[in-house]
């Protein structure tokens, strides 16, 4: 997970894709989910969001790097200076209270 540095506070949307073809995949999935949940709000399946300090983002990255298999799994982090710069639109699903903190 390179290139995640950003100065000060940041609004983050994190998505991950864990390869479950091997037995080890379920353990990786559990660990990645638990790690993300410590720092961000779970909004949908493999999607998390929230505001983080640069130091928190660095800790999250270090913890995820312990679990992610570089050749099998992926994590994508979308960053913005502030939540207000993002619009959210629901397509094909019922709005859920878990996403109230998202525009």
Protein backbone atom coordinates (compact mmCIF):
# COMPACT_ATOMS: atom_id res chain seq x y z
CA UNK A 1 0.00 0.00 0.00
CA UNK A 2 2.22 2.77 -1.25
CA UNK A 3 1.36 6.41 -1.79
CA UNK A 4 -1.09 6.91 1.07
CA UNK A 5 0.58 9.96 2.64
CA UNK A 6 -1.41 13.15 2.90
CA UNK A 7 -0.87 16.13 5.23
CA UNK A 8 -3.19 16.81 8.20
CA UNK A 9 -6.75 15.47 8.38
CA UNK A 10 -8.19 13.57 5.48
CA UNK A 11 -11.51 12.01 4.57
CA UNK A 12 -10.97 8.41 3.49
CA UNK A 13 -12.96 5.83 1.59
CA UNK A 14 -11.25 2.44 1.75
CA UNK A 15 -12.23 -0.59 -0.30
CA UNK A 16 -10.60 -3.99 -0.28
CA UNK A 17 -10.69 -7.19 -2.27
CA UNK A 18 -9.42 -10.32 -0.53
CA UNK A 19 -8.81 -13.47 -2.56
CA UNK A 20 -10.81 -16.24 -0.86
CA UNK A 21 -9.74 -19.11 -3.13
CA UNK A 22 -7.33 -20.45 -0.51
CA UNK A 23 -8.15 -21.41 3.07
CA UNK A 24 -5.90 -18.59 4.35
CA UNK A 25 -8.17 -16.03 2.64
CA UNK A 26 -10.88 -16.17 5.32
CA UNK A 27 -8.34 -15.36 8.04
CA UNK A 28 -6.96 -12.47 5.99
CA UNK A 29 -10.50 -11.19 5.39
CA UNK A 30 -11.31 -11.28 9.13
CA UNK A 31 -8.10 -9.49 10.05
CA UNK A 32 -8.48 -6.81 7.38
CA UNK A 33 -12.09 -6.20 8.40
CA UNK A 34 -11.19 -5.89 12.10
CA UNK A 35 -8.30 -3.56 11.33
CA UNK A 36 -10.42 -1.27 9.14
CA UNK A 37 -13.20 -1.25 11.76
CA UNK A 38 -10.72 0.13 14.34
CA UNK A 39 -10.16 3.27 12.28
CA UNK A 40 -13.14 3.72 9.97
CA UNK A 41 -16.91 3.19 9.75
CA UNK A 42 -18.09 0.06 7.92
CA UNK A 43 -20.63 1.16 5.31
CA UNK A 44 -21.02 -1.74 2.90
CA UNK A 45 -19.40 -5.16 2.46
CA UNK A 46 -15.73 -4.31 1.81
CA UNK A 47 -16.15 -0.53 2.05
CA UNK A 48 -15.20 1.76 4.95
CA UNK A 49 -15.19 5.54 5.35
CA UNK A 50 -14.18 8.17 7.85
CA UNK A 51 -11.94 11.05 8.77
CA UNK A 52 -8.37 10.25 9.80
CA UNK A 53 -5.29 12.12 10.90
CA UNK A 54 -2.13 11.46 8.91
CA UNK A 55 -0.78 9.50 11.91
CA UNK A 56 -3.89 7.30 11.99
CA UNK A 57 -3.61 6.64 8.26
CA UNK A 58 0.01 5.60 8.75
CA UNK A 59 -0.96 3.19 11.56
CA UNK A 60 -3.79 1.76 9.47
CA UNK A 61 -1.39 1.20 6.58
CA UNK A 62 1.15 -0.59 8.79
CA UNK A 63 -1.53 -2.85 10.29
CA UNK A 64 -3.04 -3.71 6.90
CA UNK A 65 0.38 -4.45 5.44
CA UNK A 66 0.75 -7.20 8.07
CA UNK A 67 -2.32 -9.01 6.70
CA UNK A 68 -2.57 -8.21 3.00
CA UNK A 69 -0.92 -10.74 0.68
CA UNK A 70 0.76 -8.52 -1.91
CA UNK A 71 0.25 -11.06 -4.71
CA UNK A 72 -3.40 -11.93 -3.96
CA UNK A 73 -5.23 -9.07 -2.22
CA UNK A 74 -5.78 -5.37 -2.82
CA UNK A 75 -6.74 -2.28 -0.86
CA UNK A 76 -7.68 1.00 -2.51
CA UNK A 77 -7.84 4.23 -0.52
CA UNK A 78 -9.62 7.29 -1.90
CA UNK A 79 -8.72 10.47 -0.04
CA UNK A 80 -10.16 13.94 0.09
CA UNK A 81 -9.34 16.95 2.21
CA UNK A 82 -12.87 16.97 3.60
CA UNK A 83 -16.11 15.02 3.38
CA UNK A 84 -17.94 18.04 1.96
CA UNK A 85 -16.09 17.65 -1.35
CA UNK A 86 -17.83 14.33 -2.02
CA UNK A 87 -21.37 13.63 -3.14
CA UNK A 88 -23.04 10.31 -2.43
CA UNK A 89 -25.80 8.83 -4.49
CA UNK A 90 -27.55 5.50 -3.79
CA UNK A 91 -28.26 3.23 -6.74
CA UNK A 92 -30.07 -0.08 -6.41
CA UNK A 93 -30.08 -0.29 -2.63
CA UNK A 94 -31.92 0.97 0.40
CA UNK A 95 -30.27 3.83 2.23
CA UNK A 96 -28.85 2.65 5.54
CA UNK A 97 -28.31 4.65 8.74
CA UNK A 98 -24.69 3.38 8.78
CA UNK A 99 -23.93 5.82 5.96
CA UNK A 100 -25.46 8.92 7.56
CA UNK A 101 -22.04 10.41 8.19
CA UNK A 102 -21.40 10.44 4.42
CA UNK A 103 -22.81 13.22 2.24
